[in-house]
Amino acid sequence: MKDYKGPVWLAVLLFVVIYTAGWYVNRDIVDKTDFNDVVHQNVQEDQIVHMNSFEKYGFVIFMSNGNLQQGLLERFNKHWNYRGSALLEDGGWGINTGQDGWLYMGHVMDKNVEEIMVGDKLANLFNHQKSVTYWFYREPNGYNYPIKAVKEDGSTYWIKEK
């Protein structure tokens, strides 16, 4: 029986060199510290309706196959990572499975909205110049919670009923 240790080690070494070289060459194509570059890596330019970044999170609204979608980006260690997107139902909310369970997200154009409730939990809000408020909520345990907007005067309206 022949000894195949030499060719096996050579194949493993070649694989490691090719994989590492490919990673090194490709890692600088997209500057992950640049919000716009990461968005354009994930969404085509002509599909983007609007996008905004905040200190820790960023949002992009885009058209895909005639449907409005919203994407969520998260900044960690100065690098932007695309966390997922959801088809926006009724033009303003969506649900998708993410790394940490269910991801509820959306936006509202009503300048008087100050809270979004997913079930009985408060969603994270990000206001852009009082023209649009983006929101998201990660739910690790379940799906199909109602979504309610709370205005400054205390009045409420349903974004999504259960």
N, C-alpha and C. Protein backbone atom coordinates (compact mmCIF):
# COMPACT_ATOMS: atom_id res chain seq x y z
N MET A 1 0.84 -1.18 0.00
CA MET A 1 0.00 0.00 0.00
C MET A 1 0.89 1.24 0.00
N LYS A 2 0.54 2.22 -0.85
CA LYS A 2 1.34 3.42 -0.98
C LYS A 2 1.08 4.39 0.16
N ASP A 3 2.08 5.20 0.46
CA ASP A 3 1.95 6.22 1.50
C ASP A 3 1.48 7.52 0.86
N TYR A 4 0.26 7.99 1.20
CA TYR A 4 -0.34 9.18 0.60
C TYR A 4 -0.24 10.41 1.49
N LYS A 5 0.60 10.36 2.51
CA LYS A 5 0.69 11.49 3.42
C LYS A 5 1.20 12.75 2.73
N GLY A 6 2.15 12.60 1.83
CA GLY A 6 2.71 13.77 1.13
C GLY A 6 1.66 14.51 0.32
N PRO A 7 0.95 13.86 -0.58
CA PRO A 7 -0.07 14.56 -1.36
C PRO A 7 -1.21 15.12 -0.51
N VAL A 8 -1.59 14.44 0.58
CA VAL A 8 -2.67 14.93 1.44
C VAL A 8 -2.23 16.23 2.10
N TRP A 9 -1.04 16.27 2.66
CA TRP A 9 -0.54 17.49 3.29
C TRP A 9 -0.40 18.62 2.28
N LEU A 10 0.04 18.27 1.08
CA LEU A 10 0.17 19.28 0.02
C LEU A 10 -1.21 19.84 -0.35
N ALA A 11 -2.20 18.98 -0.43
CA ALA A 11 -3.56 19.43 -0.75
C ALA A 11 -4.11 20.32 0.36
N VAL A 12 -3.90 19.94 1.62
CA VAL A 12 -4.36 20.76 2.74
C VAL A 12 -3.66 22.11 2.74
N LEU A 13 -2.36 22.12 2.53
CA LEU A 13 -1.60 23.37 2.49
C LEU A 13 -2.08 24.25 1.34
N LEU A 14 -2.30 23.67 0.17
CA LEU A 14 -2.79 24.42 -0.98
C LEU A 14 -4.17 25.01 -0.69
N PHE A 15 -5.06 24.23 -0.07
CA PHE A 15 -6.39 24.72 0.28
C PHE A 15 -6.30 25.91 1.23
N VAL A 16 -5.45 25.81 2.26
CA VAL A 16 -5.30 26.89 3.23
C VAL A 16 -4.76 28.15 2.55
N VAL A 17 -3.78 28.00 1.69
CA VAL A 17 -3.21 29.16 0.99
C VAL A 17 -4.25 29.82 0.09
N ILE A 18 -5.00 29.03 -0.67
CA ILE A 18 -6.02 29.59 -1.57
C ILE A 18 -7.12 30.26 -0.77
N TYR A 19 -7.60 29.61 0.30
CA TYR A 19 -8.67 30.19 1.12
C TYR A 19 -8.20 31.49 1.76
N THR A 20 -7.01 31.49 2.34
CA THR A 20 -6.48 32.69 3.00
C THR A 20 -6.24 33.80 2.00
N ALA A 21 -5.68 33.47 0.86
CA ALA A 21 -5.41 34.49 -0.15
C ALA A 21 -6.71 35.08 -0.66
N GLY A 22 -7.72 34.24 -0.88
CA GLY A 22 -9.02 34.74 -1.34
C GLY A 22 -9.66 35.65 -0.32
N TRP A 23 -9.57 35.29 0.96
CA TRP A 23 -10.13 36.14 2.01
C TRP A 23 -9.39 37.46 2.07
N TYR A 24 -8.07 37.42 1.99
CA TYR A 24 -7.27 38.64 2.09
C TYR A 24 -7.56 39.57 0.92
N VAL A 25 -7.67 39.03 -0.28
CA VAL A 25 -7.94 39.86 -1.45
C VAL A 25 -9.36 40.42 -1.39
N ASN A 26 -10.34 39.59 -1.03
CA ASN A 26 -11.74 40.00 -1.07
C ASN A 26 -12.18 40.84 0.11
N ARG A 27 -11.47 40.81 1.21
CA ARG A 27 -11.95 41.51 2.40
C ARG A 27 -11.94 43.01 2.25
N ASP A 28 -11.13 43.54 1.36
CA ASP A 28 -11.05 44.98 1.20
C ASP A 28 -11.93 45.51 0.07
N ILE A 29 -12.65 44.63 -0.61
CA ILE A 29 -13.54 45.09 -1.67
C ILE A 29 -14.63 45.97 -1.08
N VAL A 30 -15.15 45.56 0.06
CA VAL A 30 -16.18 46.35 0.75
C VAL A 30 -15.58 46.84 2.06
N ASP A 31 -15.58 48.14 2.23
CA ASP A 31 -15.11 48.73 3.48
C ASP A 31 -16.24 48.62 4.49
N LYS A 32 -16.14 47.65 5.39
CA LYS A 32 -17.23 47.40 6.34
C LYS A 32 -17.40 48.53 7.34
N THR A 33 -16.47 49.49 7.37
CA THR A 33 -16.66 50.64 8.25
C THR A 33 -17.50 51.70 7.57
N ASP A 34 -17.76 51.54 6.28
CA ASP A 34 -18.55 52.51 5.51
C ASP A 34 -19.96 51.97 5.32
N PHE A 35 -20.93 52.63 5.93
CA PHE A 35 -22.33 52.22 5.87
C PHE A 35 -22.81 52.07 4.43
N ASN A 36 -22.52 53.06 3.59
CA ASN A 36 -22.98 53.03 2.19
C ASN A 36 -22.42 51.84 1.43
N ASP A 37 -21.14 51.50 1.65
CA ASP A 37 -20.55 50.35 0.97
C ASP A 37 -21.24 49.05 1.35
N VAL A 38 -21.56 48.89 2.62
CA VAL A 38 -22.21 47.66 3.07
C VAL A 38 -23.63 47.57 2.51
N VAL A 39 -24.34 48.70 2.51
CA VAL A 39 -25.68 48.71 1.92
C VAL A 39 -25.60 48.32 0.45
N HIS A 40 -24.69 48.93 -0.30
CA HIS A 40 -24.59 48.66 -1.73
C HIS A 40 -24.07 47.26 -2.03
N GLN A 41 -23.43 46.62 -1.08
CA GLN A 41 -23.03 45.23 -1.26
C GLN A 41 -24.26 44.32 -1.20
N ASN A 42 -25.27 44.74 -0.43
CA ASN A 42 -26.45 43.90 -0.20
C ASN A 42 -27.67 44.30 -1.01
N VAL A 43 -27.73 45.55 -1.46
CA VAL A 43 -28.89 46.05 -2.19
C VAL A 43 -28.39 46.82 -3.41
N GLN A 44 -29.00 46.56 -4.56
CA GLN A 44 -28.61 47.28 -5.77
C GLN A 44 -29.01 48.74 -5.68
N GLU A 45 -28.16 49.60 -6.23
CA GLU A 45 -28.35 51.06 -6.16
C GLU A 45 -29.73 51.49 -6.64
N ASP A 46 -30.19 50.94 -7.75
CA ASP A 46 -31.47 51.39 -8.31
C ASP A 46 -32.69 50.88 -7.53
N GLN A 47 -32.48 50.01 -6.55
CA GLN A 47 -33.58 49.52 -5.72
C GLN A 47 -33.79 50.35 -4.46
N ILE A 48 -32.80 51.15 -4.08
CA ILE A 48 -32.83 51.87 -2.81
C ILE A 48 -33.82 53.03 -2.88
N VAL A 49 -34.75 53.07 -1.93
CA VAL A 49 -35.69 54.17 -1.80
C VAL A 49 -35.08 55.24 -0.90
N HIS A 50 -34.65 54.84 0.29
CA HIS A 50 -33.86 55.72 1.16
C HIS A 50 -33.15 54.89 2.21
N MET A 51 -32.11 55.48 2.80
CA MET A 51 -31.35 54.80 3.84
C MET A 51 -30.80 55.84 4.80
N ASN A 52 -30.65 55.41 6.05
CA ASN A 52 -30.12 56.29 7.09
C ASN A 52 -29.34 55.45 8.08
N SER A 53 -28.26 56.01 8.58
CA SER A 53 -27.49 55.33 9.61
C SER A 53 -27.47 56.18 10.88
N PHE A 54 -27.42 55.48 12.00
CA PHE A 54 -27.33 56.09 13.31
C PHE A 54 -26.06 55.54 13.95
N GLU A 55 -25.83 55.83 15.20
CA GLU A 55 -24.57 55.41 15.82
C GLU A 55 -24.37 53.90 15.78
N LYS A 56 -25.38 53.14 16.15
CA LYS A 56 -25.23 51.68 16.24
C LYS A 56 -26.02 50.91 15.19
N TYR A 57 -27.07 51.51 14.65
CA TYR A 57 -27.91 50.80 13.68
C TYR A 57 -28.12 51.63 12.43
N GLY A 58 -28.40 50.94 11.34
CA GLY A 58 -28.71 51.60 10.09
C GLY A 58 -29.88 50.91 9.42
N PHE A 59 -30.58 51.65 8.56
CA PHE A 59 -31.78 51.14 7.92
C PHE A 59 -31.76 51.49 6.45
N VAL A 60 -32.26 50.59 5.63
CA VAL A 60 -32.41 50.85 4.21
C VAL A 60 -33.80 50.38 3.79
N ILE A 61 -34.51 51.22 3.07
CA ILE A 61 -35.80 50.87 2.49
C ILE A 61 -35.54 50.68 1.00
N PHE A 62 -35.97 49.56 0.44
CA PHE A 62 -35.68 49.28 -0.96
C PHE A 62 -36.81 48.49 -1.61
N MET A 63 -36.85 48.55 -2.93
CA MET A 63 -37.82 47.78 -3.71
C MET A 63 -37.14 46.52 -4.23
N SER A 64 -37.81 45.40 -4.12
CA SER A 64 -37.29 44.15 -4.64
C SER A 64 -38.47 43.37 -5.22
N ASN A 65 -38.40 43.09 -6.51
CA ASN A 65 -39.48 42.38 -7.21
C ASN A 65 -40.83 43.07 -7.02
N GLY A 66 -40.82 44.39 -7.02
CA GLY A 66 -42.05 45.16 -6.89
C GLY A 66 -42.58 45.29 -5.47
N ASN A 67 -41.84 44.78 -4.50
CA ASN A 67 -42.26 44.84 -3.10
C ASN A 67 -41.33 45.73 -2.29
N LEU A 68 -41.90 46.50 -1.38
CA LEU A 68 -41.12 47.35 -0.50
C LEU A 68 -40.56 46.51 0.64
N GLN A 69 -39.26 46.65 0.89
CA GLN A 69 -38.60 45.92 1.97
C GLN A 69 -37.77 46.87 2.81
N GLN A 70 -37.49 46.45 4.03
CA GLN A 70 -36.62 47.22 4.91
C GLN A 70 -35.51 46.32 5.40
N GLY A 71 -34.29 46.83 5.35
CA GLY A 71 -33.13 46.11 5.84
C GLY A 71 -32.60 46.74 7.11
N LEU A 72 -32.04 45.92 7.98
CA LEU A 72 -31.45 46.37 9.23
C LEU A 72 -29.96 46.06 9.21
N LEU A 73 -29.16 47.06 9.54
CA LEU A 73 -27.72 46.89 9.67
C LEU A 73 -27.33 47.24 11.10
N GLU A 74 -26.35 46.52 11.61
CA GLU A 74 -25.88 46.77 12.97
C GLU A 74 -24.39 47.03 12.94
N ARG A 75 -23.97 48.00 13.73
CA ARG A 75 -22.55 48.35 13.80
C ARG A 75 -21.95 47.74 15.06
N PHE A 76 -20.88 46.97 14.85
CA PHE A 76 -20.20 46.32 15.95
C PHE A 76 -18.70 46.44 15.71
N ASN A 77 -17.97 46.95 16.69
CA ASN A 77 -16.52 47.17 16.54
C ASN A 77 -16.20 47.97 15.28
N LYS A 78 -16.96 49.02 15.05
CA LYS A 78 -16.79 49.95 13.94
C LYS A 78 -17.09 49.34 12.57
N HIS A 79 -17.62 48.11 12.52
CA HIS A 79 -17.95 47.46 11.26
C HIS A 79 -19.45 47.27 11.14
N TRP A 80 -19.99 47.60 9.96
CA TRP A 80 -21.42 47.43 9.69
C TRP A 80 -21.67 46.01 9.21
N ASN A 81 -22.71 45.39 9.74
CA ASN A 81 -23.12 44.04 9.33
C ASN A 81 -24.59 44.06 8.98
N TYR A 82 -24.92 43.47 7.85
CA TYR A 82 -26.31 43.38 7.40
C TYR A 82 -26.98 42.27 8.18
N ARG A 83 -28.01 42.61 8.98
CA ARG A 83 -28.67 41.64 9.86
C ARG A 83 -29.88 40.98 9.24
N GLY A 84 -30.41 41.55 8.19
CA GLY A 84 -31.56 40.94 7.55
C GLY A 84 -32.54 41.97 7.04
N SER A 85 -33.52 41.48 6.33
CA SER A 85 -34.54 42.37 5.79
C SER A 85 -35.90 41.68 5.89
N ALA A 86 -36.93 42.49 5.75
CA ALA A 86 -38.29 41.95 5.80
C ALA A 86 -39.15 42.68 4.79
N LEU A 87 -40.05 41.94 4.18
CA LEU A 87 -41.05 42.51 3.30
C LEU A 87 -41.98 43.36 4.17
N LEU A 88 -42.20 44.60 3.76
CA LEU A 88 -43.03 45.50 4.55
C LEU A 88 -44.50 45.34 4.18
N GLU A 89 -45.26 44.85 5.12
CA GLU A 89 -46.70 44.68 4.95
C GLU A 89 -47.38 46.03 5.17
N ASP A 90 -48.41 46.28 4.46
CA ASP A 90 -49.16 47.53 4.59
C ASP A 90 -48.23 48.74 4.53
N GLY A 91 -47.09 48.59 3.87
CA GLY A 91 -46.16 49.70 3.68
C GLY A 91 -45.32 50.08 4.87
N GLY A 92 -45.49 49.43 6.05
CA GLY A 92 -44.76 49.94 7.19
C GLY A 92 -44.22 48.98 8.22
N TRP A 93 -44.47 47.67 8.11
CA TRP A 93 -43.94 46.74 9.09
C TRP A 93 -43.60 45.41 8.43
N GLY A 94 -42.69 44.69 9.04
CA GLY A 94 -42.31 43.38 8.52
C GLY A 94 -41.77 42.49 9.63
N ILE A 95 -41.80 41.19 9.39
CA ILE A 95 -41.28 40.20 10.33
C ILE A 95 -40.41 39.23 9.55
N ASN A 96 -39.28 38.89 10.12
CA ASN A 96 -38.40 37.92 9.50
C ASN A 96 -37.65 37.18 10.60
N THR A 97 -37.19 35.98 10.29
CA THR A 97 -36.37 35.28 11.26
C THR A 97 -34.95 35.80 11.13
N GLY A 98 -34.31 36.02 12.25
CA GLY A 98 -32.94 36.50 12.28
C GLY A 98 -32.08 35.58 13.10
N GLN A 99 -30.86 36.00 13.34
CA GLN A 99 -29.92 35.19 14.11
C GLN A 99 -30.37 35.00 15.55
N ASP A 100 -31.12 35.97 16.06
CA ASP A 100 -31.53 35.94 17.46
C ASP A 100 -33.02 35.68 17.63
N GLY A 101 -33.65 35.04 16.69
CA GLY A 101 -35.09 34.79 16.76
C GLY A 101 -35.82 35.60 15.71
N TRP A 102 -37.00 36.07 16.07
CA TRP A 102 -37.82 36.84 15.14
C TRP A 102 -37.42 38.30 15.18
N LEU A 103 -37.34 38.90 14.02
CA LEU A 103 -36.97 40.30 13.90
C LEU A 103 -38.17 41.07 13.35
N TYR A 104 -38.74 41.92 14.19
CA TYR A 104 -39.83 42.80 13.79
C TYR A 104 -39.20 44.13 13.42
N MET A 105 -39.60 44.72 12.31
CA MET A 105 -39.04 46.02 11.94
C MET A 105 -40.02 46.79 11.08
N GLY A 106 -39.79 48.07 11.00
CA GLY A 106 -40.63 48.91 10.17
C GLY A 106 -40.26 50.37 10.31
N HIS A 107 -41.16 51.21 9.81
CA HIS A 107 -40.98 52.65 9.93
C HIS A 107 -42.35 53.31 9.93
N VAL A 108 -42.41 54.47 10.55
CA VAL A 108 -43.64 55.26 10.56
C VAL A 108 -43.30 56.68 10.12
N MET A 109 -44.24 57.29 9.42
CA MET A 109 -44.04 58.65 8.93
C MET A 109 -44.74 59.68 9.82
N ASP A 110 -45.53 59.22 10.77
CA ASP A 110 -46.25 60.11 11.67
C ASP A 110 -45.26 60.73 12.66
N LYS A 111 -45.12 62.03 12.61
CA LYS A 111 -44.14 62.74 13.45
C LYS A 111 -44.47 62.68 14.94
N ASN A 112 -45.71 62.36 15.27
CA ASN A 112 -46.14 62.36 16.67
C ASN A 112 -45.96 61.02 17.38
N VAL A 113 -45.50 59.99 16.67
CA VAL A 113 -45.29 58.68 17.30
C VAL A 113 -44.04 58.73 18.16
N GLU A 114 -44.20 58.33 19.43
CA GLU A 114 -43.03 58.33 20.31
C GLU A 114 -42.68 56.95 20.85
N GLU A 115 -43.56 55.96 20.67
CA GLU A 115 -43.28 54.59 21.07
C GLU A 115 -43.91 53.62 20.08
N ILE A 116 -43.24 52.49 19.91
CA ILE A 116 -43.81 51.36 19.16
C ILE A 116 -43.74 50.17 20.12
N MET A 117 -44.88 49.52 20.28
CA MET A 117 -44.97 48.35 21.16
C MET A 117 -45.15 47.10 20.30
N VAL A 118 -44.32 46.09 20.54
CA VAL A 118 -44.47 44.78 19.91
C VAL A 118 -44.92 43.85 21.03
N GLY A 119 -46.18 43.44 20.96
CA GLY A 119 -46.77 42.76 22.11
C GLY A 119 -46.81 43.77 23.25
N ASP A 120 -46.20 43.43 24.37
CA ASP A 120 -46.12 44.39 25.49
C ASP A 120 -44.70 44.91 25.69
N LYS A 121 -43.85 44.75 24.68
CA LYS A 121 -42.45 45.18 24.76
C LYS A 121 -42.22 46.41 23.90
N LEU A 122 -41.33 47.27 24.37
CA LEU A 122 -40.99 48.50 23.68
C LEU A 122 -39.95 48.22 22.60
N ALA A 123 -40.22 48.66 21.37
CA ALA A 123 -39.26 48.51 20.27
C ALA A 123 -38.21 49.62 20.33
N ASN A 124 -37.07 49.38 19.70
CA ASN A 124 -36.02 50.39 19.57
C ASN A 124 -36.43 51.38 18.48
N LEU A 125 -36.40 52.67 18.79
CA LEU A 125 -36.78 53.71 17.83
C LEU A 125 -35.58 54.53 17.41
N PHE A 126 -35.58 54.93 16.13
CA PHE A 126 -34.53 55.76 15.57
C PHE A 126 -35.21 56.81 14.69
N ASN A 127 -35.12 58.05 15.11
CA ASN A 127 -35.80 59.12 14.42
C ASN A 127 -34.84 59.86 13.52
N HIS A 128 -35.25 60.05 12.27
CA HIS A 128 -34.44 60.80 11.32
C HIS A 128 -35.11 62.13 11.02
N GLN A 129 -34.63 63.19 11.62
CA GLN A 129 -35.10 64.56 11.38
C GLN A 129 -36.62 64.67 11.45
N LYS A 130 -37.24 63.90 12.33
CA LYS A 130 -38.69 63.92 12.51
C LYS A 130 -39.49 63.64 11.24
N SER A 131 -38.81 63.14 10.18
CA SER A 131 -39.56 62.83 8.96
C SER A 131 -39.93 61.35 8.90
N VAL A 132 -39.07 60.50 9.40
CA VAL A 132 -39.35 59.07 9.44
C VAL A 132 -38.74 58.52 10.73
N THR A 133 -39.48 57.63 11.37
CA THR A 133 -38.98 56.94 12.55
C THR A 133 -38.86 55.46 12.20
N TYR A 134 -37.65 54.95 12.28
CA TYR A 134 -37.40 53.53 12.07
C TYR A 134 -37.51 52.82 13.41
N TRP A 135 -37.91 51.58 13.37
CA TRP A 135 -37.99 50.81 14.60
C TRP A 135 -37.69 49.35 14.33
N PHE A 136 -37.22 48.66 15.37
CA PHE A 136 -37.07 47.22 15.29
C PHE A 136 -37.15 46.63 16.69
N TYR A 137 -37.45 45.34 16.73
CA TYR A 137 -37.52 44.62 17.99
C TYR A 137 -37.15 43.17 17.71
N ARG A 138 -36.26 42.62 18.52
CA ARG A 138 -35.89 41.21 18.42
C ARG A 138 -36.67 40.42 19.45
N GLU A 139 -37.37 39.40 18.98
CA GLU A 139 -38.18 38.55 19.85
C GLU A 139 -37.62 37.13 19.76
N PRO A 140 -36.98 36.64 20.82
CA PRO A 140 -36.36 35.32 20.75
C PRO A 140 -37.36 34.16 20.82
N ASN A 141 -38.54 34.39 21.36
CA ASN A 141 -39.43 33.27 21.66
C ASN A 141 -40.63 33.09 20.76
N GLY A 142 -41.06 34.11 20.07
CA GLY A 142 -42.33 33.93 19.39
C GLY A 142 -42.51 34.76 18.15
N TYR A 143 -43.68 34.61 17.61
CA TYR A 143 -44.04 35.20 16.34
C TYR A 143 -45.50 35.62 16.41
N ASN A 144 -45.85 36.59 15.59
CA ASN A 144 -47.23 37.03 15.44
C ASN A 144 -47.74 37.85 16.63
N TYR A 145 -46.91 38.74 17.11
CA TYR A 145 -47.35 39.68 18.14
C TYR A 145 -48.00 40.90 17.49
N PRO A 146 -48.94 41.53 18.17
CA PRO A 146 -49.51 42.77 17.64
C PRO A 146 -48.49 43.91 17.76
N ILE A 147 -48.62 44.89 16.88
CA ILE A 147 -47.71 46.05 16.89
C ILE A 147 -48.57 47.30 17.00
N LYS A 148 -48.24 48.13 17.99
CA LYS A 148 -49.05 49.31 18.28
C LYS A 148 -48.15 50.54 18.34
N ALA A 149 -48.63 51.65 17.79
CA ALA A 149 -47.93 52.93 17.88
C ALA A 149 -48.58 53.77 18.96
N VAL A 150 -47.74 54.45 19.74
CA VAL A 150 -48.21 55.34 20.79
C VAL A 150 -47.75 56.76 20.45
N LYS A 151 -48.71 57.67 20.37
CA LYS A 151 -48.40 59.06 20.03
C LYS A 151 -48.07 59.88 21.27
N GLU A 152 -47.54 61.07 21.03
CA GLU A 152 -47.17 61.98 22.12
C GLU A 152 -48.33 62.29 23.05
N ASP A 153 -49.54 62.39 22.51
CA ASP A 153 -50.71 62.73 23.33
C ASP A 153 -51.31 61.51 24.06
N GLY A 154 -50.66 60.33 23.92
CA GLY A 154 -51.13 59.13 24.59
C GLY A 154 -52.07 58.28 23.76
N SER A 155 -52.58 58.80 22.65
CA SER A 155 -53.45 58.00 21.80
C SER A 155 -52.63 56.91 21.10
N THR A 156 -53.32 55.86 20.69
CA THR A 156 -52.64 54.72 20.06
C THR A 156 -53.35 54.32 18.77
N TYR A 157 -52.62 53.61 17.92
CA TYR A 157 -53.24 52.97 16.76
C TYR A 157 -52.47 51.71 16.44
N TRP A 158 -53.17 50.76 15.84
CA TRP A 158 -52.57 49.47 15.49
C TRP A 158 -51.82 49.58 14.18
N ILE A 159 -50.60 49.13 14.21
CA ILE A 159 -49.83 48.95 12.98
C ILE A 159 -50.12 47.57 12.44
N LYS A 160 -50.20 46.60 13.36
CA LYS A 160 -50.55 45.22 13.03
C LYS A 160 -51.31 44.63 14.20
N GLU A 161 -52.53 44.21 13.93
CA GLU A 161 -53.28 43.50 14.97
C GLU A 161 -52.91 42.04 14.92
N LYS A 162 -53.04 41.38 16.04
CA LYS A 162 -52.64 39.95 16.11
C LYS A 162 -53.41 39.10 15.15
